[in-house]
C-alpha atoms as a PDB file:
ATOM      1  CA  MET A   1     -28.896  23.328  19.560  1.00  0.00           C
ATOM      2  CA  SER A   2     -25.796  23.121  20.960  1.00  0.00           C
ATOM      3  CA  ASP A   3     -26.320  19.175  20.817  1.00  0.00           C
ATOM      4  CA  GLU A   4     -26.123  19.207  16.981  1.00  0.00           C
ATOM      5  CA  PRO A   5     -22.766  20.566  16.272  1.00  0.00           C
ATOM      6  CA  LYS A   6     -21.081  18.451  19.073  1.00  0.00           C
ATOM      7  CA  ASP A   7     -22.777  15.449  17.409  1.00  0.00           C
ATOM      8  CA  THR A   8     -21.601  16.141  13.892  1.00  0.00           C
ATOM      9  CA  PRO A   9     -18.267  16.483  14.702  1.00  0.00           C
ATOM     10  CA  ALA A  10     -18.044  13.407  16.648  1.00  0.00           C
ATOM     11  CA  ASN A  11     -19.226  11.488  13.867  1.00  0.00           C
ATOM     12  CA  ASP A  12     -16.465  12.910  11.639  1.00  0.00           C
ATOM     13  CA  PRO A  13     -13.324  11.844  13.214  1.00  0.00           C
ATOM     14  CA  PRO A  14     -13.828   7.904  12.766  1.00  0.00           C
ATOM     15  CA  ALA A  15     -14.291   8.355   9.068  1.00  0.00           C
ATOM     16  CA  ALA A  16     -11.211  10.676   8.958  1.00  0.00           C
ATOM     17  CA  ALA A  17      -8.966   8.342  11.287  1.00  0.00           C
ATOM     18  CA  SER A  18      -9.621   5.289   9.003  1.00  0.00           C
ATOM     19  CA  GLU A  19      -8.438   7.328   5.943  1.00  0.00           C
ATOM     20  CA  GLY A  20      -5.778   9.518   7.576  1.00  0.00           C
ATOM     21  CA  ALA A  21      -4.676   7.691  10.583  1.00  0.00           C
ATOM     22  CA  ALA A  22      -1.217   6.953  11.532  1.00  0.00           C
ATOM     23  CA  PRO A  23       0.146   3.579  10.442  1.00  0.00           C
ATOM     24  CA  THR A  24      -0.437   0.709  12.881  1.00  0.00           C
ATOM     25  CA  GLN A  25       2.490  -1.385  14.019  1.00  0.00           C
ATOM     26  CA  GLN A  26       1.174  -4.201  11.824  1.00  0.00           C
ATOM     27  CA  GLU A  27       1.265  -1.911   8.914  1.00  0.00           C
ATOM     28  CA  LEU A  28       4.714  -0.423   9.511  1.00  0.00           C
ATOM     29  CA  ALA A  29       5.824  -4.351   9.755  1.00  0.00           C
ATOM     30  CA  VAL A  30       4.130  -5.013   6.281  1.00  0.00           C
ATOM     31  CA  ARG A  31       5.543  -2.079   4.744  1.00  0.00           C
ATOM     32  CA  SER A  32       9.041  -2.854   6.078  1.00  0.00           C
ATOM     33  CA  ALA A  33       8.764  -6.361   4.706  1.00  0.00           C
ATOM     34  CA  LEU A  34       7.588  -4.927   1.222  1.00  0.00           C
ATOM     35  CA  GLU A  35      10.914  -2.996   1.005  1.00  0.00           C
ATOM     36  CA  THR A  36      12.422  -6.203  -0.067  1.00  0.00           C
ATOM     37  CA  VAL A  37      10.173  -6.869  -2.906  1.00  0.00           C
ATOM     38  CA  MET A  38      11.927  -5.494  -5.789  1.00  0.00           C
ATOM     39  CA  ASP A  39      10.773  -4.609  -9.504  1.00  0.00           C
ATOM     40  CA  PRO A  40      13.186  -6.903 -11.532  1.00  0.00           C
ATOM     41  CA  GLU A  41      13.237  -4.411 -14.328  1.00  0.00           C
ATOM     42  CA  ILE A  42      13.652  -1.115 -12.504  1.00  0.00           C
ATOM     43  CA  ASN A  43      15.600  -2.793  -9.323  1.00  0.00           C
ATOM     44  CA  LEU A  44      13.897  -0.489  -6.811  1.00  0.00           C
ATOM     45  CA  SER A  45      11.139  -1.765  -4.047  1.00  0.00           C
ATOM     46  CA  VAL A  46       7.461  -1.829  -4.596  1.00  0.00           C
ATOM     47  CA  ILE A  47       7.679   0.730  -1.675  1.00  0.00           C
ATOM     48  CA  ASP A  48      10.279   3.074  -3.223  1.00  0.00           C
ATOM     49  CA  LEU A  49       8.020   2.915  -6.651  1.00  0.00           C
ATOM     50  CA  GLY A  50       5.054   3.832  -4.766  1.00  0.00           C
ATOM     51  CA  LEU A  51       3.221   0.743  -6.172  1.00  0.00           C
ATOM     52  CA  ILE A  52       1.568   0.022  -2.780  1.00  0.00           C
ATOM     53  CA  ARG A  53      -1.434   2.128  -2.356  1.00  0.00           C
ATOM     54  CA  GLU A  54      -3.074   0.641   0.373  1.00  0.00           C
ATOM     55  CA  VAL A  55      -2.874  -1.945   3.132  1.00  0.00           C
ATOM     56  CA  GLN A  56      -5.806  -3.357   5.063  1.00  0.00           C
ATOM     57  CA  PHE A  57      -6.277  -5.861   7.642  1.00  0.00           C
ATOM     58  CA  LEU A  58      -9.730  -7.424   7.345  1.00  0.00           C
ATOM     59  CA  GLU A  59     -12.226  -9.737   9.177  1.00  0.00           C
ATOM     60  CA  PRO A  60     -12.145 -12.967   9.037  1.00  0.00           C
ATOM     61  CA  PRO A  61      -8.469 -12.126   9.050  1.00  0.00           C
ATOM     62  CA  LYS A  62      -6.673 -11.511   6.019  1.00  0.00           C
ATOM     63  CA  THR A  63      -4.556  -8.851   4.653  1.00  0.00           C
ATOM     64  CA  LEU A  64      -5.513  -6.724   1.380  1.00  0.00           C
ATOM     65  CA  ILE A  65      -2.972  -5.221  -0.298  1.00  0.00           C
ATOM     66  CA  ARG A  66      -3.812  -2.673  -3.274  1.00  0.00           C
ATOM     67  CA  MET A  67      -1.241  -2.008  -5.617  1.00  0.00           C
ATOM     68  CA  MET A  68      -0.514  -0.619  -9.047  1.00  0.00           C
ATOM     69  CA  LEU A  69       2.028  -1.982 -11.698  1.00  0.00           C
ATOM     70  CA  THR A  70       4.593   0.345 -13.409  1.00  0.00           C
ATOM     71  CA  THR A  71       3.058  -0.588 -16.571  1.00  0.00           C
ATOM     72  CA  PRO A  72      -0.429  -1.990 -17.499  1.00  0.00           C
ATOM     73  CA  PHE A  73       0.679  -5.547 -18.929  1.00  0.00           C
ATOM     74  CA  CYS A  74       3.631  -5.647 -16.736  1.00  0.00           C
ATOM     75  CA  PRO A  75       5.040  -9.163 -17.576  1.00  0.00           C
ATOM     76  CA  TYR A  76       6.393  -9.382 -13.964  1.00  0.00           C
ATOM     77  CA  ALA A  77       3.235  -9.076 -12.373  1.00  0.00           C
ATOM     78  CA  PRO A  78       2.642 -12.771 -11.343  1.00  0.00           C
ATOM     79  CA  GLN A  79       5.870 -12.609  -9.739  1.00  0.00           C
ATOM     80  CA  LEU A  80       5.510  -9.626  -8.287  1.00  0.00           C
ATOM     81  CA  ILE A  81       2.289 -10.492  -6.796  1.00  0.00           C
ATOM     82  CA  ALA A  82       3.575 -13.699  -5.405  1.00  0.00           C
ATOM     83  CA  ASP A  83       6.537 -11.918  -3.631  1.00  0.00           C
ATOM     84  CA  VAL A  84       4.105  -9.355  -2.177  1.00  0.00           C
ATOM     85  CA  LYS A  85       2.078 -12.099  -0.949  1.00  0.00           C
ATOM     86  CA  GLN A  86       5.324 -14.056   0.364  1.00  0.00           C
ATOM     87  CA  ALA A  87       6.588 -10.782   1.996  1.00  0.00           C
ATOM     88  CA  VAL A  88       3.291  -9.959   3.847  1.00  0.00           C
ATOM     89  CA  THR A  89       2.649 -13.322   5.210  1.00  0.00           C
ATOM     90  CA  SER A  90       6.103 -13.506   6.608  1.00  0.00           C
ATOM     91  CA  VAL A  91       5.290 -10.866   9.016  1.00  0.00           C
ATOM     92  CA  VAL A  92       1.320 -11.371   9.350  1.00  0.00           C
ATOM     93  CA  PRO A  93       0.636 -15.159   9.184  1.00  0.00           C
ATOM     94  CA  GLN A  94      -2.665 -14.980   7.453  1.00  0.00           C
ATOM     95  CA  GLU A  95      -4.244 -15.021   4.189  1.00  0.00           C
ATOM     96  CA  CYS A  96      -3.123 -12.206   1.819  1.00  0.00           C
ATOM     97  CA  GLU A  97      -4.968 -11.027  -1.225  1.00  0.00           C
ATOM     98  CA  VAL A  98      -3.176  -8.572  -3.680  1.00  0.00           C
ATOM     99  CA  GLU A  99      -5.704  -6.398  -5.718  1.00  0.00           C
ATOM    100  CA  ILE A 100      -4.050  -4.605  -8.885  1.00  0.00           C
ATOM    101  CA  LEU A 101      -5.404  -1.341  -9.292  1.00  0.00           C
ATOM    102  CA  PRO A 102      -6.147   0.032 -12.799  1.00  0.00           C
ATOM    103  CA  ASP A 103      -4.725   3.252 -12.097  1.00  0.00           C
ATOM    104  CA  PRO A 104      -1.806   4.615 -14.375  1.00  0.00           C
ATOM    105  CA  TRP A 105       1.912   4.611 -12.579  1.00  0.00           C
ATOM    106  CA  SER A 106       3.889   7.849 -12.766  1.00  0.00           C
ATOM    107  CA  PRO A 107       7.122   8.773 -10.655  1.00  0.00           C
ATOM    108  CA  ASP A 108       4.943  11.365  -8.985  1.00  0.00           C
ATOM    109  CA  LEU A 109       3.711   8.500  -6.836  1.00  0.00           C
ATOM    110  CA  MET A 110       7.201   7.774  -5.353  1.00  0.00           C
ATOM    111  CA  PRO A 111       8.285   8.940  -2.233  1.00  0.00           C
ATOM    112  CA  ASP A 112      11.668   9.870  -3.625  1.00  0.00           C
ATOM    113  CA  PRO A 113      11.313  10.400  -7.614  1.00  0.00           C
ATOM    114  CA  GLY A 114      14.928  11.024  -7.749  1.00  0.00           C
ATOM    115  CA  LEU A 115      15.698   7.322  -7.182  1.00  0.00           C
ATOM    116  CA  LEU A 116      15.006   6.931 -10.845  1.00  0.00           C
ATOM    117  CA  GLY A 117      17.812   9.280 -11.734  1.00  0.00           C
ATOM    118  CA  PHE A 118      15.812  12.234 -12.675  1.00  0.00           C
ATOM    119  CA  SER A 119      16.431  15.829 -11.428  1.00  0.00           C
ATOM    120  CA  SER A 120      13.830  18.177 -10.362  1.00  0.00           C
END
């Protein structure tokens, strides 16, 4: 009986670690590079706007960026995607894929919504 409780927690940490683990040096470098990618209309970075939702490093070597747009049919989407890919490949020299998420964006997703000039 004592083996079962030990086995179950031992199986849980890897799943939790993949979702809530501290970012790797590689991810930190990617996120830092993405600070230079600016939304041309709002003039804030994709990081400041909270548009970058996920950074993954896959095998075979590829970087996957999951991001949102501030509006569903953002006219700057092609340029933002190209800028994200260029910034990512400048620090991680491998193929980069950008996946646009269908989720609606809101200022609540920003690390600091005050950057938009709103006060709480």
